[in-house]
Amino acid sequence: MEVQTLKPHQYSQWNTFVDQSPQGDVFCYSWWLEAITKSNFKILVIYDNNEIVAGMPLALDDRGKVNIPPLTRTLGVLYKKKDYQSDRRKISAERKWLSELLKYIHLNDFIQMCMHHNFTDWLPFRWNGFSQTTRYTYILNYKKKTSNELWLNLDLRNREIINKTTKNGIKIEITDDFDLIYHYESLSYERQGLKFRIPYNDLKFLDDAIKKRGNRIIFKATDNFHQVHAVLYIAFNQKSAYALLSGSDPKLRKLGGHTLILWEAVRYFSERVEYFNFGGSDIEKIEAHLKGFGGTLTPYFHIYNENLTWKRNDFWYHLHETSFHLKEVCKIVKNKIIQTMRRK
């Protein structure tokens, strides 16, 4: 058993391992990491009998610390797909591999990372000083599900909305228009009083890498007047599809195009991948919307360094609050000026 940091000429072997690993998603490929981190990453692996049996892709931030890159839902630990004689032997083997990998990851160089939902044993992290919190996503497993069963899995409200949209002439098309997704994703953030933080050129660079390998599709919902109601960006590999980016026209949102487009994406991938990952959300309204598509609430681990994460989050929290209060002060001052001018 030998731990190595892979060199670029070994990345093709890693990408093949990603395809075979139960924890291997589109975010784990070397080309994804190259694009999203601008080549600021490394991949730790364990070789046994000249084959990779376990590995961890480590994305680094601008301080050289392991962190979660934008849009990268899961990285974490990947294990070789293997049949074991018992759960005990499986746990023992995977703990041995993970414990060996963690010898090469210093806690002070680690901020946070999200595991794949198939990764279920985080105890070696705990024994090495890392902390954990549980997050949730909704996952739709397509196994042995017919199109009619997928439809009946939707909650009643979503079925009513979808029927209404189709009667009103809203239809779903596949497009290659990247600018469309960036525009409507930004609009969705604006609707929530936020700013989409990923610069256009950075997201376009990532999209070019995904598109080059055929691992993305963009849907758009339009009506008979050629108005765009909603857009949806899906990143996928042969195992899973992720609803990665989405947005809608705030003026047309009540017509339900954002619901229809997600349903059509679910249908599209039903015979192409094993499962559809809706992504989950900490925002109650978004979570409630995703819950209505029939996925199973599924936990996954967020591993973090409690000291570094607390300091980082505390800083950004107060920076965000300061920005919010400055905006409110500006609004008050503006209103005072307008009132004064009206009195004159």
Protein backbone atom coordinates (compact mmCIF):
# COMPACT_ATOMS: atom_id res chain seq x y z
CA MET A 1 0.00 0.00 0.00
CA GLU A 2 1.46 3.35 -1.06
CA VAL A 3 0.15 6.94 -0.87
CA GLN A 4 0.91 9.19 -3.83
CA THR A 5 0.08 12.69 -5.01
CA LEU A 6 -0.84 12.21 -8.65
CA LYS A 7 1.01 13.95 -11.44
CA PRO A 8 -0.86 15.29 -14.50
CA HIS A 9 0.09 12.30 -16.67
CA GLN A 10 -1.74 10.06 -14.14
CA TYR A 11 -5.01 12.01 -14.26
CA SER A 12 -6.56 9.78 -16.92
CA GLN A 13 -6.17 6.83 -14.56
CA TRP A 14 -7.82 8.86 -11.81
CA ASN A 15 -10.74 9.81 -14.05
CA THR A 16 -11.32 6.15 -14.85
CA PHE A 17 -11.30 5.43 -11.11
CA VAL A 18 -13.92 8.19 -10.62
CA ASP A 19 -16.16 6.48 -13.16
CA GLN A 20 -15.90 3.20 -11.26
CA SER A 21 -16.07 4.44 -7.66
CA PRO A 22 -19.47 4.52 -5.91
CA GLN A 23 -18.52 7.99 -4.64
CA GLY A 24 -17.36 9.29 -8.04
CA ASP A 25 -19.36 12.26 -9.33
CA VAL A 26 -18.72 14.78 -12.08
CA PHE A 27 -17.08 17.14 -9.56
CA CYS A 28 -14.25 14.67 -8.89
CA TYR A 29 -12.75 14.56 -12.37
CA SER A 30 -9.35 16.17 -12.78
CA TRP A 31 -10.64 18.41 -15.58
CA TRP A 32 -13.41 19.78 -13.32
CA LEU A 33 -10.84 20.58 -10.64
CA GLU A 34 -8.49 22.18 -13.17
CA ALA A 35 -11.26 24.48 -14.40
CA ILE A 36 -12.89 25.44 -11.10
CA THR A 37 -9.65 25.92 -9.11
CA LYS A 38 -7.52 27.18 -12.02
CA SER A 39 -5.24 24.19 -11.48
CA ASN A 40 -4.88 24.86 -7.75
CA PHE A 41 -5.57 21.34 -6.53
CA LYS A 42 -3.98 17.98 -5.84
CA ILE A 43 -5.21 14.40 -5.79
CA LEU A 44 -4.07 12.01 -3.06
CA VAL A 45 -4.45 8.31 -3.82
CA ILE A 46 -3.60 4.94 -2.35
CA TYR A 47 -2.12 2.37 -4.68
CA ASP A 48 -2.37 -1.31 -3.87
CA ASN A 49 -1.01 -3.86 -6.36
CA ASN A 50 -0.56 -1.05 -8.92
CA GLU A 51 -4.19 0.05 -8.84
CA ILE A 52 -5.96 2.93 -7.12
CA VAL A 53 -8.08 1.68 -4.22
CA ALA A 54 -8.89 5.02 -2.54
CA GLY A 55 -8.34 8.71 -3.11
CA MET A 56 -9.19 12.27 -2.15
CA PRO A 57 -9.26 15.21 -4.58
CA LEU A 58 -8.18 18.30 -2.61
CA ALA A 59 -9.25 21.69 -3.97
CA LEU A 60 -7.15 24.54 -2.58
CA ASP A 61 -8.21 28.13 -1.99
CA ASP A 62 -6.10 31.25 -2.53
CA ARG A 63 -4.35 30.59 0.81
CA GLY A 64 -3.43 27.04 -0.14
CA LYS A 65 -5.94 25.47 2.25
CA VAL A 66 -8.35 22.65 1.40
CA ASN A 67 -11.73 24.22 0.78
CA ILE A 68 -14.96 23.83 -1.20
CA PRO A 69 -14.78 25.45 -4.66
CA PRO A 70 -17.87 27.13 -6.14
CA LEU A 71 -20.52 24.81 -7.60
CA THR A 72 -18.63 21.72 -6.45
CA ARG A 73 -21.25 19.83 -4.48
CA THR A 74 -19.12 16.89 -3.35
CA LEU A 75 -15.48 15.84 -3.35
CA GLY A 76 -14.37 13.91 -0.31
CA VAL A 77 -13.21 10.31 -0.18
CA LEU A 78 -13.57 7.88 -3.06
CA TYR A 79 -13.20 4.13 -2.65
CA LYS A 80 -12.75 1.33 -5.14
CA LYS A 81 -15.94 -0.53 -6.00
CA LYS A 82 -15.53 -3.94 -4.44
CA ASP A 83 -17.60 -6.79 -3.08
CA TYR A 84 -16.80 -7.67 0.52
CA GLN A 85 -17.63 -10.84 2.42
CA SER A 86 -19.00 -8.79 5.31
CA ASP A 87 -19.67 -5.20 6.40
CA ARG A 88 -16.96 -5.61 9.01
CA ARG A 89 -14.32 -6.25 6.36
CA LYS A 90 -15.57 -3.34 4.27
CA ILE A 91 -15.41 -0.93 7.22
CA SER A 92 -11.95 -2.16 8.20
CA ALA A 93 -10.52 -1.75 4.71
CA GLU A 94 -12.01 1.70 4.15
CA ARG A 95 -10.94 2.97 7.59
CA LYS A 96 -7.41 1.76 6.95
CA TRP A 97 -7.27 3.62 3.63
CA LEU A 98 -8.80 6.82 4.98
CA SER A 99 -6.56 6.85 8.05
CA GLU A 100 -3.54 6.54 5.76
CA LEU A 101 -4.73 9.41 3.53
CA LEU A 102 -5.31 11.66 6.55
CA LYS A 103 -1.65 11.35 7.50
CA TYR A 104 -0.96 13.60 4.51
CA ILE A 105 -3.63 16.23 5.32
CA HIS A 106 -2.72 18.61 8.13
CA LEU A 107 -5.68 19.91 10.11
CA ASN A 108 -4.37 23.49 9.99
CA ASP A 109 -4.36 23.29 6.18
CA PHE A 110 -7.97 22.13 6.01
CA ILE A 111 -11.09 24.31 6.10
CA GLN A 112 -13.99 22.22 4.80
CA MET A 113 -15.16 19.56 2.36
CA CYS A 114 -18.47 17.85 1.56
CA MET A 115 -18.58 14.08 1.20
CA HIS A 116 -20.59 12.07 -1.30
CA HIS A 117 -23.86 10.77 0.16
CA ASN A 118 -22.56 7.22 -0.35
CA PHE A 119 -19.73 7.90 2.12
CA THR A 120 -21.08 6.79 5.51
CA ASP A 121 -18.20 6.43 7.97
CA TRP A 122 -16.53 9.67 9.04
CA LEU A 123 -15.00 8.34 12.28
CA PRO A 124 -11.37 8.44 11.02
CA PHE A 125 -11.88 12.17 10.45
CA ARG A 126 -13.16 12.54 14.02
CA TRP A 127 -10.20 10.63 15.43
CA ASN A 128 -7.88 13.02 13.62
CA GLY A 129 -9.46 16.19 15.03
CA PHE A 130 -11.92 17.10 12.27
CA SER A 131 -15.54 18.09 12.92
CA GLN A 132 -18.71 17.15 11.09
CA THR A 133 -22.21 18.46 10.50
CA THR A 134 -24.95 16.76 8.52
CA ARG A 135 -26.44 18.32 5.42
CA TYR A 136 -29.33 17.10 3.31
CA THR A 137 -30.20 16.77 -0.33
CA TYR A 138 -33.07 15.19 -2.25
CA ILE A 139 -32.08 12.26 -4.44
CA LEU A 140 -34.34 10.48 -6.90
CA ASN A 141 -33.23 6.90 -7.54
CA TYR A 142 -34.46 5.84 -10.97
CA LYS A 143 -34.07 2.12 -10.35
CA LYS A 144 -37.18 0.21 -11.48
CA LYS A 145 -39.26 3.41 -11.72
CA THR A 146 -41.57 3.84 -14.67
CA SER A 147 -42.48 7.21 -16.15
CA ASN A 148 -45.90 6.94 -14.54
CA GLU A 149 -44.37 6.22 -11.12
CA LEU A 150 -42.15 9.28 -11.46
CA TRP A 151 -45.24 11.36 -12.21
CA LEU A 152 -47.16 9.98 -9.23
CA ASN A 153 -44.13 10.72 -7.00
CA LEU A 154 -44.67 14.42 -7.59
CA ASP A 155 -46.78 16.17 -5.02
CA LEU A 156 -50.26 17.26 -6.10
CA ARG A 157 -49.38 20.94 -6.36
CA ASN A 158 -46.49 20.30 -8.74
CA ARG A 159 -48.68 18.07 -10.93
CA GLU A 160 -51.29 20.81 -11.09
CA ILE A 161 -48.70 23.45 -11.99
CA ILE A 162 -47.17 21.24 -14.72
CA ASN A 163 -50.58 20.54 -16.25
CA LYS A 164 -51.36 24.25 -16.20
CA THR A 165 -48.08 25.24 -17.86
CA THR A 166 -48.48 22.78 -20.72
CA LYS A 167 -52.06 23.98 -21.34
CA ASN A 168 -50.73 27.56 -21.48
CA GLY A 169 -48.23 26.68 -24.20
CA ILE A 170 -45.04 26.64 -22.11
CA LYS A 171 -42.60 24.11 -23.55
CA ILE A 172 -39.10 22.89 -22.76
CA GLU A 173 -36.21 23.04 -25.22
CA ILE A 174 -32.53 22.16 -25.07
CA THR A 175 -30.24 25.12 -25.74
CA ASP A 176 -26.52 25.76 -25.95
CA ASP A 177 -26.86 29.39 -24.85
CA PHE A 178 -24.53 29.82 -21.86
CA ASP A 179 -25.31 33.55 -21.59
CA LEU A 180 -28.93 32.64 -20.95
CA ILE A 181 -28.11 30.59 -17.86
CA TYR A 182 -25.76 33.24 -16.48
CA HIS A 183 -28.36 35.97 -16.96
CA TYR A 184 -31.22 34.14 -15.28
CA GLU A 185 -29.07 32.72 -12.49
CA SER A 186 -28.06 36.31 -11.69
CA LEU A 187 -31.72 37.36 -11.76
CA SER A 188 -32.57 34.67 -9.20
CA TYR A 189 -29.93 36.03 -6.84
CA GLU A 190 -31.19 39.59 -7.35
CA ARG A 191 -34.72 38.43 -6.49
CA GLN A 192 -33.34 37.35 -3.10
CA GLY A 193 -31.44 40.60 -2.60
CA LEU A 194 -28.10 38.89 -3.31
CA LYS A 195 -25.40 39.04 -5.96
CA PHE A 196 -24.25 36.02 -7.95
CA ARG A 197 -20.61 35.79 -6.85
CA ILE A 198 -19.08 33.80 -9.70
CA PRO A 199 -17.62 36.09 -12.39
CA TYR A 200 -18.85 35.49 -15.93
CA ASN A 201 -15.42 34.50 -17.28
CA ASP A 202 -14.82 32.00 -14.47
CA LEU A 203 -18.14 30.26 -15.01
CA LYS A 204 -17.68 30.30 -18.78
CA PHE A 205 -14.26 28.66 -18.34
CA LEU A 206 -15.85 25.88 -16.27
CA ASP A 207 -18.71 25.49 -18.73
CA ASP A 208 -16.27 25.14 -21.64
CA ALA A 209 -14.54 22.28 -19.80
CA ILE A 210 -17.83 20.51 -19.02
CA LYS A 211 -19.24 21.05 -22.50
CA LYS A 212 -16.06 19.78 -24.15
CA ARG A 213 -16.57 16.41 -22.46
CA GLY A 214 -20.33 16.24 -22.99
CA ASN A 215 -21.18 16.42 -19.30
CA ARG A 216 -23.75 19.20 -19.25
CA ILE A 217 -27.10 20.12 -20.72
CA ILE A 218 -29.06 23.39 -20.58
CA PHE A 219 -32.86 23.44 -20.67
CA LYS A 220 -35.05 26.50 -21.25
CA ALA A 221 -38.78 27.02 -20.79
CA THR A 222 -40.41 29.27 -23.39
CA ASP A 223 -43.95 30.24 -24.36
CA ASN A 224 -45.71 30.91 -27.66
CA PHE A 225 -44.40 34.49 -27.63
CA HIS A 226 -40.78 33.22 -27.36
CA GLN A 227 -40.46 34.60 -23.84
CA VAL A 228 -37.99 32.71 -21.66
CA HIS A 229 -39.65 31.70 -18.38
CA ALA A 230 -36.88 29.63 -16.79
CA VAL A 231 -33.53 27.94 -17.47
CA LEU A 232 -31.82 24.95 -15.88
CA TYR A 233 -28.21 23.75 -16.07
CA ILE A 234 -27.51 20.07 -15.38
CA ALA A 235 -24.02 18.62 -14.85
CA PHE A 236 -23.79 14.82 -15.02
CA ASN A 237 -21.77 11.69 -15.56
CA GLN A 238 -22.95 8.13 -16.24
CA LYS A 239 -24.07 7.65 -12.61
CA SER A 240 -25.74 10.89 -11.58
CA ALA A 241 -27.22 14.19 -12.73
CA TYR A 242 -27.05 17.36 -10.63
CA ALA A 243 -29.35 20.37 -10.91
CA LEU A 244 -26.46 22.82 -10.71
CA LEU A 245 -27.76 26.22 -11.84
CA SER A 246 -31.23 27.56 -12.44
CA GLY A 247 -33.09 30.82 -12.81
CA SER A 248 -36.37 32.29 -13.92
CA ASP A 249 -37.92 35.56 -15.01
CA PRO A 250 -39.43 37.12 -11.85
CA LYS A 251 -42.29 38.60 -13.91
CA LEU A 252 -43.27 35.20 -15.31
CA ARG A 253 -42.44 33.00 -12.33
CA LYS A 254 -46.06 32.63 -11.22
CA LEU A 255 -46.82 30.78 -14.47
CA GLY A 256 -44.80 27.79 -13.25
CA GLY A 257 -42.09 27.41 -15.88
CA HIS A 258 -39.49 26.76 -13.17
CA THR A 259 -41.49 23.73 -12.03
CA LEU A 260 -42.08 22.34 -15.52
CA ILE A 261 -38.42 22.62 -16.48
CA LEU A 262 -37.24 20.60 -13.47
CA TRP A 263 -39.83 17.92 -14.14
CA GLU A 264 -38.74 17.63 -17.78
CA ALA A 265 -35.10 17.32 -16.65
CA VAL A 266 -36.12 14.47 -14.31
CA ARG A 267 -37.84 12.73 -17.22
CA TYR A 268 -34.93 13.32 -19.59
CA PHE A 269 -32.39 11.64 -17.30
CA SER A 270 -34.64 8.76 -16.21
CA GLU A 271 -33.02 6.40 -18.75
CA ARG A 272 -29.56 8.00 -18.77
CA VAL A 273 -28.30 7.92 -15.15
CA GLU A 274 -28.86 6.02 -11.93
CA TYR A 275 -30.11 8.93 -9.87
CA PHE A 276 -31.00 12.64 -10.01
CA ASN A 277 -29.67 14.93 -7.28
CA PHE A 278 -31.81 18.02 -6.69
CA GLY A 279 -29.18 19.59 -4.45
CA GLY A 280 -31.16 20.48 -1.34
CA SER A 281 -31.24 23.91 0.29
CA ASP A 282 -31.10 25.59 3.68
CA ILE A 283 -33.72 28.08 2.45
CA GLU A 284 -37.13 26.82 3.55
CA LYS A 285 -39.12 27.81 0.44
CA ILE A 286 -36.58 26.33 -1.94
CA GLU A 287 -36.34 23.16 0.13
CA ALA A 288 -40.13 22.80 0.09
CA HIS A 289 -40.17 23.18 -3.71
CA LEU A 290 -37.49 20.52 -4.22
CA LYS A 291 -39.22 18.14 -1.81
CA GLY A 292 -42.23 18.05 -4.13
CA PHE A 293 -40.41 16.17 -6.91
CA GLY A 294 -40.38 12.77 -5.25
CA GLY A 295 -36.76 12.53 -4.18
CA THR A 296 -35.66 10.91 -0.95
CA LEU A 297 -34.26 13.15 1.79
CA THR A 298 -30.65 12.00 1.96
CA PRO A 299 -27.96 13.03 4.47
CA TYR A 300 -24.33 13.67 3.64
CA PHE A 301 -21.36 14.81 5.71
CA HIS A 302 -19.84 18.26 5.79
CA ILE A 303 -16.34 17.77 7.24
CA TYR A 304 -14.63 20.89 8.55
CA ASN A 305 -11.94 22.34 10.79
CA GLU A 306 -13.95 23.94 13.58
CA ASN A 307 -11.35 26.58 14.39
CA LEU A 308 -10.67 27.81 10.84
CA THR A 309 -14.28 27.54 9.65
CA TRP A 310 -15.62 29.46 12.66
CA LYS A 311 -13.19 32.32 12.13
CA ARG A 312 -13.88 32.46 8.41
CA ASN A 313 -17.68 32.34 8.76
CA ASP A 314 -17.65 34.87 11.59
CA PHE A 315 -15.70 37.32 9.44
CA TRP A 316 -17.97 36.94 6.40
CA TYR A 317 -21.09 37.13 8.55
CA HIS A 318 -20.11 40.48 10.02
CA LEU A 319 -18.95 41.75 6.63
CA HIS A 320 -22.33 40.82 5.14
CA GLU A 321 -24.19 42.46 8.02
CA THR A 322 -22.13 45.65 7.66
CA SER A 323 -22.93 45.77 3.96
CA PHE A 324 -26.63 45.27 4.68
CA HIS A 325 -26.76 48.06 7.25
CA LEU A 326 -24.86 50.46 4.97
CA LYS A 327 -27.46 49.87 2.26
CA GLU A 328 -30.25 50.55 4.75
CA VAL A 329 -28.58 53.78 5.87
CA CYS A 330 -28.26 54.89 2.23
CA LYS A 331 -31.96 54.22 1.68
CA ILE A 332 -32.89 56.28 4.74
CA VAL A 333 -30.66 59.18 3.68
CA LYS A 334 -32.08 59.07 0.16
CA ASN A 335 -35.66 59.15 1.46
CA LYS A 336 -34.82 62.06 3.78
CA ILE A 337 -33.38 64.03 0.86
CA ILE A 338 -36.45 63.34 -1.29
CA GLN A 339 -38.79 64.39 1.53
CA THR A 340 -36.82 67.60 2.09
CA MET A 341 -36.92 68.48 -1.61
CA ARG A 342 -40.69 67.86 -1.75
CA ARG A 343 -41.29 70.24 1.18
CA LYS A 344 -39.41 72.95 -0.70
